[in-house]
Amino acid sequence: MAENTYTVQGMTCGHCVSSVTEEVSEVTGVRQVDVDLASGRLTVVSDVDVAETDIRAAVEEAGYQLVG
């Protein structure tokens, strides 16, 4: 099991958190997603290593960007 943390830019409300959570949850191998609105922290727990590009694409699909 792998756990990775990212920072999401542009979220301003609970709907933003829901959108990011939903999109990232659909990435193959992702088991758990935790998004903290105040810090922008996105924590992803997966069964296997998931490529950052896959997480980045899911966040962008939700309308936001990963920092870094």
C-alpha atoms as a PDB file:
ATOM      1  CA  MET A   1       0.000   0.000   0.000  1.00  0.00           C
ATOM      2  CA  ALA A   2       1.252   3.481  -0.866  1.00  0.00           C
ATOM      3  CA  GLU A   3       0.394   6.904   0.527  1.00  0.00           C
ATOM      4  CA  ASN A   4       1.226  10.143  -1.269  1.00  0.00           C
ATOM      5  CA  THR A   5       0.467  13.753  -0.417  1.00  0.00           C
ATOM      6  CA  TYR A   6      -0.030  16.599  -2.873  1.00  0.00           C
ATOM      7  CA  THR A   7      -1.139  20.234  -2.726  1.00  0.00           C
ATOM      8  CA  VAL A   8      -4.134  21.363  -4.767  1.00  0.00           C
ATOM      9  CA  GLN A   9      -4.476  24.995  -5.788  1.00  0.00           C
ATOM     10  CA  GLY A  10      -7.747  26.836  -6.337  1.00  0.00           C
ATOM     11  CA  MET A  11     -10.223  25.079  -4.039  1.00  0.00           C
ATOM     12  CA  THR A  12     -12.524  27.486  -2.187  1.00  0.00           C
ATOM     13  CA  CYS A  13     -15.483  25.447  -0.892  1.00  0.00           C
ATOM     14  CA  GLY A  14     -16.887  22.051   0.007  1.00  0.00           C
ATOM     15  CA  HIS A  15     -18.026  21.472  -3.565  1.00  0.00           C
ATOM     16  CA  CYS A  16     -14.416  21.878  -4.699  1.00  0.00           C
ATOM     17  CA  VAL A  17     -13.355  19.200  -2.212  1.00  0.00           C
ATOM     18  CA  SER A  18     -16.114  16.878  -3.436  1.00  0.00           C
ATOM     19  CA  SER A  19     -15.107  17.350  -7.073  1.00  0.00           C
ATOM     20  CA  VAL A  20     -11.440  16.581  -6.412  1.00  0.00           C
ATOM     21  CA  THR A  21     -12.334  13.610  -4.211  1.00  0.00           C
ATOM     22  CA  GLU A  22     -14.646  12.150  -6.852  1.00  0.00           C
ATOM     23  CA  GLU A  23     -12.187  12.500  -9.751  1.00  0.00           C
ATOM     24  CA  VAL A  24      -9.153  11.195  -7.854  1.00  0.00           C
ATOM     25  CA  SER A  25     -11.184   8.272  -6.471  1.00  0.00           C
ATOM     26  CA  GLU A  26     -11.756   7.096 -10.042  1.00  0.00           C
ATOM     27  CA  VAL A  27      -8.021   6.636 -10.708  1.00  0.00           C
ATOM     28  CA  THR A  28      -7.204   2.932 -10.959  1.00  0.00           C
ATOM     29  CA  GLY A  29      -5.632   1.593  -7.768  1.00  0.00           C
ATOM     30  CA  VAL A  30      -6.750   4.455  -5.518  1.00  0.00           C
ATOM     31  CA  ARG A  31      -8.286   3.145  -2.311  1.00  0.00           C
ATOM     32  CA  GLN A  32      -8.776   6.293  -0.219  1.00  0.00           C
ATOM     33  CA  VAL A  33      -8.762  10.040  -0.860  1.00  0.00           C
ATOM     34  CA  ASP A  34      -8.607  12.744   1.803  1.00  0.00           C
ATOM     35  CA  VAL A  35      -8.808  16.420   0.862  1.00  0.00           C
ATOM     36  CA  ASP A  36      -8.278  19.242   3.370  1.00  0.00           C
ATOM     37  CA  LEU A  37      -9.802  22.495   2.125  1.00  0.00           C
ATOM     38  CA  ALA A  38      -7.902  24.803   4.494  1.00  0.00           C
ATOM     39  CA  SER A  39      -4.432  23.575   3.537  1.00  0.00           C
ATOM     40  CA  GLY A  40      -5.195  22.286   0.040  1.00  0.00           C
ATOM     41  CA  ARG A  41      -3.625  18.982   1.049  1.00  0.00           C
ATOM     42  CA  LEU A  42      -4.637  15.933  -0.964  1.00  0.00           C
ATOM     43  CA  THR A  43      -3.690  12.553   0.501  1.00  0.00           C
ATOM     44  CA  VAL A  44      -4.052   9.511  -1.724  1.00  0.00           C
ATOM     45  CA  VAL A  45      -3.825   5.929  -0.426  1.00  0.00           C
ATOM     46  CA  SER A  46      -3.510   3.301  -3.133  1.00  0.00           C
ATOM     47  CA  ASP A  47      -3.024  -0.433  -3.502  1.00  0.00           C
ATOM     48  CA  VAL A  48      -0.122   0.149  -5.899  1.00  0.00           C
ATOM     49  CA  ASP A  49       2.081   3.096  -6.784  1.00  0.00           C
ATOM     50  CA  VAL A  50      -0.037   5.500  -8.812  1.00  0.00           C
ATOM     51  CA  ALA A  51       1.749   7.865 -11.195  1.00  0.00           C
ATOM     52  CA  GLU A  52       1.641  11.526 -10.215  1.00  0.00           C
ATOM     53  CA  THR A  53       0.593  12.284 -13.794  1.00  0.00           C
ATOM     54  CA  ASP A  54      -2.591  10.253 -13.233  1.00  0.00           C
ATOM     55  CA  ILE A  55      -3.377  12.173 -10.045  1.00  0.00           C
ATOM     56  CA  ARG A  56      -2.562  15.474 -11.766  1.00  0.00           C
ATOM     57  CA  ALA A  57      -4.902  14.608 -14.665  1.00  0.00           C
ATOM     58  CA  ALA A  58      -7.739  13.755 -12.261  1.00  0.00           C
ATOM     59  CA  VAL A  59      -7.285  17.008 -10.319  1.00  0.00           C
ATOM     60  CA  GLU A  60      -7.249  18.984 -13.583  1.00  0.00           C
ATOM     61  CA  GLU A  61     -10.405  17.159 -14.711  1.00  0.00           C
ATOM     62  CA  ALA A  62     -12.035  18.477 -11.522  1.00  0.00           C
ATOM     63  CA  GLY A  63     -10.946  21.999 -12.530  1.00  0.00           C
ATOM     64  CA  TYR A  64      -7.955  22.535 -10.232  1.00  0.00           C
ATOM     65  CA  GLN A  65      -4.164  22.215 -10.328  1.00  0.00           C
ATOM     66  CA  LEU A  66      -1.487  20.421  -8.346  1.00  0.00           C
ATOM     67  CA  VAL A  67       1.207  22.718  -7.010  1.00  0.00           C
ATOM     68  CA  GLY A  68       4.740  21.658  -7.858  1.00  0.00           C
END
